[in-house]
Amino acid sequence: MNATTAPQGRRIIWLNVLTVFSAAILIGAEVFGGAFAAGWAFANWLHLDGYAVHILQGVFFLCGVAVMVRFILNARRVEPFTEG
């Protein structure tokens, strides 16, 4: 008789998920607030008006998205979301 066990699915570790997303909210507020402030500051420093301010804010916002993606990926390595 060949006994096999049913494969067990991965279990979500909710404490780790909550920890990473809580940190992401806090860090995201700082990153995106800084991105918008940096766009405004650089536009004023370069004496730009109109849409240039929004374009610079968009560029810094995209940099902030990249920072947050890297943060989540690195945090998942330290605090894995699943086990099993």
PDB file of N, CA and C in Angstrom:
ATOM      1  N   MET A   1       0.840  -1.175   0.000  1.00  0.00           N
ATOM      2  CA  MET A   1       0.000   0.000   0.000  1.00  0.00           C
ATOM      3  C   MET A   1       0.889   1.244   0.000  1.00  0.00           C
ATOM      4  N   ASN A   2       0.575   2.131  -0.883  1.00  0.00           N
ATOM      5  CA  ASN A   2       1.349   3.372  -1.009  1.00  0.00           C
ATOM      6  C   ASN A   2       0.543   4.508  -0.372  1.00  0.00           C
ATOM      7  N   ALA A   3       0.946   4.893   0.807  1.00  0.00           N
ATOM      8  CA  ALA A   3       0.225   5.947   1.529  1.00  0.00           C
ATOM      9  C   ALA A   3       0.795   7.304   1.141  1.00  0.00           C
ATOM     10  N   THR A   4      -0.061   8.175   0.732  1.00  0.00           N
ATOM     11  CA  THR A   4       0.357   9.540   0.411  1.00  0.00           C
ATOM     12  C   THR A   4      -0.439  10.504   1.270  1.00  0.00           C
ATOM     13  N   THR A   5       0.178  11.594   1.553  1.00  0.00           N
ATOM     14  CA  THR A   5      -0.517  12.613   2.338  1.00  0.00           C
ATOM     15  C   THR A   5      -0.969  13.719   1.401  1.00  0.00           C
ATOM     16  N   ALA A   6      -2.067  14.300   1.737  1.00  0.00           N
ATOM     17  CA  ALA A   6      -2.581  15.412   0.932  1.00  0.00           C
ATOM     18  C   ALA A   6      -1.660  16.613   1.109  1.00  0.00           C
ATOM     19  N   PRO A   7      -1.348  17.287   0.018  1.00  0.00           N
ATOM     20  CA  PRO A   7      -0.479  18.457   0.159  1.00  0.00           C
ATOM     21  C   PRO A   7      -1.159  19.548   0.981  1.00  0.00           C
ATOM     22  N   GLN A   8      -0.389  20.111   1.842  1.00  0.00           N
ATOM     23  CA  GLN A   8      -0.929  21.170   2.682  1.00  0.00           C
ATOM     24  C   GLN A   8      -0.631  22.505   2.028  1.00  0.00           C
ATOM     25  N   GLY A   9      -1.592  23.375   2.016  1.00  0.00           N
ATOM     26  CA  GLY A   9      -1.410  24.698   1.434  1.00  0.00           C
ATOM     27  C   GLY A   9      -0.548  25.584   2.317  1.00  0.00           C
ATOM     28  N   ARG A  10      -0.154  26.664   1.747  1.00  0.00           N
ATOM     29  CA  ARG A  10       0.631  27.617   2.529  1.00  0.00           C
ATOM     30  C   ARG A  10      -0.293  28.356   3.494  1.00  0.00           C
ATOM     31  N   ARG A  11       0.227  28.616   4.669  1.00  0.00           N
ATOM     32  CA  ARG A  11      -0.536  29.333   5.683  1.00  0.00           C
ATOM     33  C   ARG A  11      -0.065  30.771   5.729  1.00  0.00           C
ATOM     34  N   ILE A  12      -0.979  31.702   5.741  1.00  0.00           N
ATOM     35  CA  ILE A  12      -0.640  33.120   5.808  1.00  0.00           C
ATOM     36  C   ILE A  12      -0.314  33.488   7.253  1.00  0.00           C
ATOM     37  N   ILE A  13       0.796  34.173   7.428  1.00  0.00           N
ATOM     38  CA  ILE A  13       1.184  34.651   8.760  1.00  0.00           C
ATOM     39  C   ILE A  13       0.684  36.093   8.868  1.00  0.00           C
ATOM     40  N   TRP A  14      -0.500  36.252   9.435  1.00  0.00           N
ATOM     41  CA  TRP A  14      -1.156  37.554   9.447  1.00  0.00           C
ATOM     42  C   TRP A  14      -0.399  38.597  10.258  1.00  0.00           C
ATOM     43  N   LEU A  15       0.304  38.189  11.273  1.00  0.00           N
ATOM     44  CA  LEU A  15       1.074  39.143  12.074  1.00  0.00           C
ATOM     45  C   LEU A  15       2.171  39.789  11.225  1.00  0.00           C
ATOM     46  N   ASN A  16       2.853  38.993  10.410  1.00  0.00           N
ATOM     47  CA  ASN A  16       3.885  39.546   9.535  1.00  0.00           C
ATOM     48  C   ASN A  16       3.288  40.451   8.455  1.00  0.00           C
ATOM     49  N   VAL A  17       2.148  40.038   7.900  1.00  0.00           N
ATOM     50  CA  VAL A  17       1.483  40.856   6.885  1.00  0.00           C
ATOM     51  C   VAL A  17       1.084  42.207   7.476  1.00  0.00           C
ATOM     52  N   LEU A  18       0.504  42.172   8.652  1.00  0.00           N
ATOM     53  CA  LEU A  18       0.086  43.406   9.326  1.00  0.00           C
ATOM     54  C   LEU A  18       1.282  44.294   9.655  1.00  0.00           C
ATOM     55  N   THR A  19       2.371  43.691  10.101  1.00  0.00           N
ATOM     56  CA  THR A  19       3.571  44.460  10.443  1.00  0.00           C
ATOM     57  C   THR A  19       4.134  45.163   9.217  1.00  0.00           C
ATOM     58  N   VAL A  20       4.266  44.439   8.112  1.00  0.00           N
ATOM     59  CA  VAL A  20       4.848  45.015   6.891  1.00  0.00           C
ATOM     60  C   VAL A  20       3.943  46.106   6.335  1.00  0.00           C
ATOM     61  N   PHE A  21       2.645  45.866   6.274  1.00  0.00           N
ATOM     62  CA  PHE A  21       1.761  46.879   5.708  1.00  0.00           C
ATOM     63  C   PHE A  21       1.617  48.096   6.613  1.00  0.00           C
ATOM     64  N   SER A  22       1.691  47.907   7.912  1.00  0.00           N
ATOM     65  CA  SER A  22       1.668  49.058   8.825  1.00  0.00           C
ATOM     66  C   SER A  22       2.905  49.920   8.622  1.00  0.00           C
ATOM     67  N   ALA A  23       4.057  49.277   8.508  1.00  0.00           N
ATOM     68  CA  ALA A  23       5.283  50.019   8.245  1.00  0.00           C
ATOM     69  C   ALA A  23       5.235  50.688   6.873  1.00  0.00           C
ATOM     70  N   ALA A  24       4.643  50.016   5.894  1.00  0.00           N
ATOM     71  CA  ALA A  24       4.539  50.586   4.546  1.00  0.00           C
ATOM     72  C   ALA A  24       3.666  51.839   4.540  1.00  0.00           C
ATOM     73  N   ILE A  25       2.613  51.845   5.335  1.00  0.00           N
ATOM     74  CA  ILE A  25       1.762  53.036   5.427  1.00  0.00           C
ATOM     75  C   ILE A  25       2.539  54.199   6.025  1.00  0.00           C
ATOM     76  N   LEU A  26       3.256  53.943   7.094  1.00  0.00           N
ATOM     77  CA  LEU A  26       4.039  54.991   7.744  1.00  0.00           C
ATOM     78  C   LEU A  26       5.144  55.500   6.816  1.00  0.00           C
ATOM     79  N   ILE A  27       5.906  54.605   6.250  1.00  0.00           N
ATOM     80  CA  ILE A  27       7.010  55.003   5.382  1.00  0.00           C
ATOM     81  C   ILE A  27       6.486  55.621   4.086  1.00  0.00           C
ATOM     82  N   GLY A  28       5.381  55.103   3.571  1.00  0.00           N
ATOM     83  CA  GLY A  28       4.785  55.654   2.354  1.00  0.00           C
ATOM     84  C   GLY A  28       4.332  57.091   2.532  1.00  0.00           C
ATOM     85  N   ALA A  29       3.765  57.406   3.689  1.00  0.00           N
ATOM     86  CA  ALA A  29       3.356  58.791   3.954  1.00  0.00           C
ATOM     87  C   ALA A  29       4.559  59.722   3.908  1.00  0.00           C
ATOM     88  N   GLU A  30       5.663  59.279   4.468  1.00  0.00           N
ATOM     89  CA  GLU A  30       6.871  60.111   4.454  1.00  0.00           C
ATOM     90  C   GLU A  30       7.475  60.204   3.060  1.00  0.00           C
ATOM     91  N   VAL A  31       7.528  59.085   2.348  1.00  0.00           N
ATOM     92  CA  VAL A  31       8.129  59.066   1.007  1.00  0.00           C
ATOM     93  C   VAL A  31       7.324  59.919   0.036  1.00  0.00           C
ATOM     94  N   PHE A  32       6.012  59.743   0.013  1.00  0.00           N
ATOM     95  CA  PHE A  32       5.202  60.486  -0.956  1.00  0.00           C
ATOM     96  C   PHE A  32       5.037  61.948  -0.555  1.00  0.00           C
ATOM     97  N   GLY A  33       4.996  62.230   0.735  1.00  0.00           N
ATOM     98  CA  GLY A  33       5.004  63.633   1.166  1.00  0.00           C
ATOM     99  C   GLY A  33       6.295  64.317   0.760  1.00  0.00           C
ATOM    100  N   GLY A  34       7.404  63.626   0.947  1.00  0.00           N
ATOM    101  CA  GLY A  34       8.696  64.160   0.520  1.00  0.00           C
ATOM    102  C   GLY A  34       8.791  64.312  -0.982  1.00  0.00           C
ATOM    103  N   ALA A  35       8.167  63.405  -1.722  1.00  0.00           N
ATOM    104  CA  ALA A  35       8.190  63.486  -3.189  1.00  0.00           C
ATOM    105  C   ALA A  35       7.468  64.739  -3.675  1.00  0.00           C
ATOM    106  N   PHE A  36       6.301  65.002  -3.125  1.00  0.00           N
ATOM    107  CA  PHE A  36       5.572  66.195  -3.547  1.00  0.00           C
ATOM    108  C   PHE A  36       6.282  67.474  -3.109  1.00  0.00           C
ATOM    109  N   ALA A  37       6.855  67.455  -1.911  1.00  0.00           N
ATOM    110  CA  ALA A  37       7.593  68.623  -1.441  1.00  0.00           C
ATOM    111  C   ALA A  37       8.840  68.851  -2.289  1.00  0.00           C
ATOM    112  N   ALA A  38       9.522  67.776  -2.658  1.00  0.00           N
ATOM    113  CA  ALA A  38      10.726  67.914  -3.484  1.00  0.00           C
ATOM    114  C   ALA A  38      10.380  68.452  -4.867  1.00  0.00           C
ATOM    115  N   GLY A  39       9.280  68.006  -5.447  1.00  0.00           N
ATOM    116  CA  GLY A  39       8.853  68.523  -6.745  1.00  0.00           C
ATOM    117  C   GLY A  39       8.578  70.015  -6.687  1.00  0.00           C
ATOM    118  N   TRP A  40       7.887  70.430  -5.650  1.00  0.00           N
ATOM    119  CA  TRP A  40       7.596  71.854  -5.472  1.00  0.00           C
ATOM    120  C   TRP A  40       8.875  72.648  -5.250  1.00  0.00           C
ATOM    121  N   ALA A  41       9.774  72.122  -4.392  1.00  0.00           N
ATOM    122  CA  ALA A  41      11.007  72.838  -4.067  1.00  0.00           C
ATOM    123  C   ALA A  41      11.917  72.970  -5.289  1.00  0.00           C
ATOM    124  N   PHE A  42      12.075  71.896  -6.045  1.00  0.00           N
ATOM    125  CA  PHE A  42      12.925  71.971  -7.238  1.00  0.00           C
ATOM    126  C   PHE A  42      12.332  72.896  -8.299  1.00  0.00           C
ATOM    127  N   ALA A  43      11.012  72.886  -8.431  1.00  0.00           N
ATOM    128  CA  ALA A  43      10.380  73.778  -9.401  1.00  0.00           C
ATOM    129  C   ALA A  43      10.595  75.240  -9.006  1.00  0.00           C
ATOM    130  N   ASN A  44      10.485  75.549  -7.733  1.00  0.00           N
ATOM    131  CA  ASN A  44      10.741  76.922  -7.284  1.00  0.00           C
ATOM    132  C   ASN A  44      12.205  77.298  -7.430  1.00  0.00           C
ATOM    133  N   TRP A  45      13.091  76.367  -7.127  1.00  0.00           N
ATOM    134  CA  TRP A  45      14.527  76.619  -7.227  1.00  0.00           C
ATOM    135  C   TRP A  45      14.936  76.888  -8.667  1.00  0.00           C
ATOM    136  N   LEU A  46      14.288  76.176  -9.605  1.00  0.00           N
ATOM    137  CA  LEU A  46      14.597  76.345 -11.027  1.00  0.00           C
ATOM    138  C   LEU A  46      13.712  77.408 -11.689  1.00  0.00           C
ATOM    139  N   HIS A  47      12.886  78.102 -10.903  1.00  0.00           N
ATOM    140  CA  HIS A  47      11.984  79.151 -11.391  1.00  0.00           C
ATOM    141  C   HIS A  47      11.042  78.630 -12.474  1.00  0.00           C
ATOM    142  N   LEU A  48      10.425  77.474 -12.212  1.00  0.00           N
ATOM    143  CA  LEU A  48       9.479  76.869 -13.148  1.00  0.00           C
ATOM    144  C   LEU A  48       8.060  77.134 -12.656  1.00  0.00           C
ATOM    145  N   ASP A  49       7.143  77.277 -13.589  1.00  0.00           N
ATOM    146  CA  ASP A  49       5.743  77.528 -13.248  1.00  0.00           C
ATOM    147  C   ASP A  49       4.840  76.512 -13.940  1.00  0.00           C
ATOM    148  N   GLY A  50       3.581  76.576 -13.572  1.00  0.00           N
ATOM    149  CA  GLY A  50       2.554  75.805 -14.259  1.00  0.00           C
ATOM    150  C   GLY A  50       2.711  74.305 -14.137  1.00  0.00           C
ATOM    151  N   TYR A  51       2.672  73.661 -15.300  1.00  0.00           N
ATOM    152  CA  TYR A  51       2.697  72.212 -15.333  1.00  0.00           C
ATOM    153  C   TYR A  51       4.049  71.632 -14.935  1.00  0.00           C
ATOM    154  N   ALA A  52       5.102  72.411 -14.992  1.00  0.00           N
ATOM    155  CA  ALA A  52       6.437  71.912 -14.634  1.00  0.00           C
ATOM    156  C   ALA A  52       6.472  71.438 -13.178  1.00  0.00           C
ATOM    157  N   VAL A  53       5.749  72.135 -12.312  1.00  0.00           N
ATOM    158  CA  VAL A  53       5.679  71.720 -10.901  1.00  0.00           C
ATOM    159  C   VAL A  53       5.061  70.333 -10.806  1.00  0.00           C
ATOM    160  N   HIS A  54       3.967  70.131 -11.518  1.00  0.00           N
ATOM    161  CA  HIS A  54       3.263  68.852 -11.467  1.00  0.00           C
ATOM    162  C   HIS A  54       4.075  67.743 -12.129  1.00  0.00           C
ATOM    163  N   ILE A  55       4.796  68.071 -13.162  1.00  0.00           N
ATOM    164  CA  ILE A  55       5.645  67.075 -13.818  1.00  0.00           C
ATOM    165  C   ILE A  55       6.758  66.634 -12.874  1.00  0.00           C
ATOM    166  N   LEU A  56       7.414  67.592 -12.212  1.00  0.00           N
ATOM    167  CA  LEU A  56       8.460  67.236 -11.259  1.00  0.00           C
ATOM    168  C   LEU A  56       7.894  66.427 -10.088  1.00  0.00           C
ATOM    169  N   GLN A  57       6.722  66.807  -9.613  1.00  0.00           N
ATOM    170  CA  GLN A  57       6.097  66.040  -8.541  1.00  0.00           C
ATOM    171  C   GLN A  57       5.784  64.619  -9.012  1.00  0.00           C
ATOM    172  N   GLY A  58       5.359  64.479 -10.251  1.00  0.00           N
ATOM    173  CA  GLY A  58       5.099  63.152 -10.814  1.00  0.00           C
ATOM    174  C   GLY A  58       6.356  62.310 -10.911  1.00  0.00           C
ATOM    175  N   VAL A  59       7.459  62.947 -11.314  1.00  0.00           N
ATOM    176  CA  VAL A  59       8.734  62.231 -11.407  1.00  0.00           C
ATOM    177  C   VAL A  59       9.165  61.744 -10.029  1.00  0.00           C
ATOM    178  N   PHE A  60       9.091  62.617  -9.038  1.00  0.00           N
ATOM    179  CA  PHE A  60       9.463  62.220  -7.685  1.00  0.00           C
ATOM    180  C   PHE A  60       8.480  61.203  -7.110  1.00  0.00           C
ATOM    181  N   PHE A  61       7.205  61.297  -7.494  1.00  0.00           N
ATOM    182  CA  PHE A  61       6.210  60.321  -7.072  1.00  0.00           C
ATOM    183  C   PHE A  61       6.567  58.937  -7.614  1.00  0.00           C
ATOM    184  N   LEU A  62       6.979  58.856  -8.877  1.00  0.00           N
ATOM    185  CA  LEU A  62       7.385  57.574  -9.456  1.00  0.00           C
ATOM    186  C   LEU A  62       8.623  57.014  -8.750  1.00  0.00           C
ATOM    187  N   CYS A  63       9.530  57.896  -8.369  1.00  0.00           N
ATOM    188  CA  CYS A  63      10.685  57.452  -7.575  1.00  0.00           C
ATOM    189  C   CYS A  63      10.210  56.893  -6.233  1.00  0.00           C
ATOM    190  N   GLY A  64       9.206  57.525  -5.644  1.00  0.00           N
ATOM    191  CA  GLY A  64       8.640  57.046  -4.387  1.00  0.00           C
ATOM    192  C   GLY A  64       7.979  55.683  -4.543  1.00  0.00           C
ATOM    193  N   VAL A  65       7.317  55.458  -5.668  1.00  0.00           N
ATOM    194  CA  VAL A  65       6.719  54.140  -5.936  1.00  0.00           C
ATOM    195  C   VAL A  65       7.811  53.077  -5.995  1.00  0.00           C
ATOM    196  N   ALA A  66       8.915  53.401  -6.676  1.00  0.00           N
ATOM    197  CA  ALA A  66      10.029  52.448  -6.751  1.00  0.00           C
ATOM    198  C   ALA A  66      10.599  52.152  -5.366  1.00  0.00           C
ATOM    199  N   VAL A  67      10.711  53.170  -4.532  1.00  0.00           N
ATOM    200  CA  VAL A  67      11.210  52.978  -3.173  1.00  0.00           C
ATOM    201  C   VAL A  67      10.261  52.069  -2.385  1.00  0.00           C
ATOM    202  N   MET A  68       8.969  52.289  -2.513  1.00  0.00           N
ATOM    203  CA  MET A  68       8.009  51.493  -1.762  1.00  0.00           C
ATOM    204  C   MET A  68       7.966  50.040  -2.246  1.00  0.00           C
ATOM    205  N   VAL A  69       8.093  49.828  -3.546  1.00  0.00           N
ATOM    206  CA  VAL A  69       8.123  48.455  -4.069  1.00  0.00           C
ATOM    207  C   VAL A  69       9.330  47.723  -3.509  1.00  0.00           C
ATOM    208  N   ARG A  70      10.489  48.370  -3.523  1.00  0.00           N
ATOM    209  CA  ARG A  70      11.695  47.749  -2.974  1.00  0.00           C
ATOM    210  C   ARG A  70      11.535  47.484  -1.474  1.00  0.00           C
ATOM    211  N   PHE A  71      10.904  48.411  -0.763  1.00  0.00           N
ATOM    212  CA  PHE A  71      10.684  48.216   0.669  1.00  0.00           C
ATOM    213  C   PHE A  71       9.831  46.976   0.924  1.00  0.00           C
ATOM    214  N   ILE A  72       8.723  46.843   0.205  1.00  0.00           N
ATOM    215  CA  ILE A  72       7.823  45.700   0.390  1.00  0.00           C
ATOM    216  C   ILE A  72       8.550  44.397   0.068  1.00  0.00           C
ATOM    217  N   LEU A  73       9.290  44.376  -1.036  1.00  0.00           N
ATOM    218  CA  LEU A  73       9.997  43.154  -1.416  1.00  0.00           C
ATOM    219  C   LEU A  73      11.051  42.774  -0.375  1.00  0.00           C
ATOM    220  N   ASN A  74      11.796  43.743   0.111  1.00  0.00           N
ATOM    221  CA  ASN A  74      12.800  43.454   1.137  1.00  0.00           C
ATOM    222  C   ASN A  74      12.155  43.073   2.465  1.00  0.00           C
ATOM    223  N   ALA A  75      11.056  43.715   2.804  1.00  0.00           N
ATOM    224  CA  ALA A  75      10.375  43.406   4.060  1.00  0.00           C
ATOM    225  C   ALA A  75       9.793  41.997   4.032  1.00  0.00           C
ATOM    226  N   ARG A  76       9.330  41.552   2.867  1.00  0.00           N
ATOM    227  CA  ARG A  76       8.796  40.188   2.757  1.00  0.00           C
ATOM    228  C   ARG A  76       9.882  39.149   2.963  1.00  0.00           C
ATOM    229  N   ARG A  77      11.114  39.504   2.609  1.00  0.00           N
ATOM    230  CA  ARG A  77      12.216  38.577   2.847  1.00  0.00           C
ATOM    231  C   ARG A  77      12.494  38.446   4.343  1.00  0.00           C
ATOM    232  N   VAL A  78      12.392  39.544   5.057  1.00  0.00           N
ATOM    233  CA  VAL A  78      12.651  39.531   6.499  1.00  0.00           C
ATOM    234  C   VAL A  78      11.457  38.968   7.264  1.00  0.00           C
ATOM    235  N   GLU A  79      10.253  39.380   6.866  1.00  0.00           N
ATOM    236  CA  GLU A  79       9.010  38.937   7.511  1.00  0.00           C
ATOM    237  C   GLU A  79       8.177  38.191   6.464  1.00  0.00           C
ATOM    238  N   PRO A  80       8.405  36.895   6.256  1.00  0.00           N
ATOM    239  CA  PRO A  80       7.674  36.174   5.215  1.00  0.00           C
ATOM    240  C   PRO A  80       6.159  36.166   5.477  1.00  0.00           C
ATOM    241  N   PHE A  81       5.389  36.295   4.403  1.00  0.00           N
ATOM    242  CA  PHE A  81       3.936  36.357   4.522  1.00  0.00           C
ATOM    243  C   PHE A  81       3.300  34.973   4.660  1.00  0.00           C
ATOM    244  N   THR A  82       4.005  33.935   4.222  1.00  0.00           N
ATOM    245  CA  THR A  82       3.447  32.580   4.283  1.00  0.00           C
ATOM    246  C   THR A  82       4.457  31.616   4.870  1.00  0.00           C
ATOM    247  N   GLU A  83       3.926  30.487   5.339  1.00  0.00           N
ATOM    248  CA  GLU A  83       4.788  29.412   5.820  1.00  0.00           C
ATOM    249  C   GLU A  83       4.220  28.105   5.319  1.00  0.00           C
ATOM    250  N   GLY A  84       5.075  27.148   5.287  1.00  0.00           N
ATOM    251  CA  GLY A  84       4.596  25.828   4.913  1.00  0.00           C
ATOM    252  C   GLY A  84       4.963  25.360   3.571  1.00  0.00           C
TER     253      GLY A  84
END
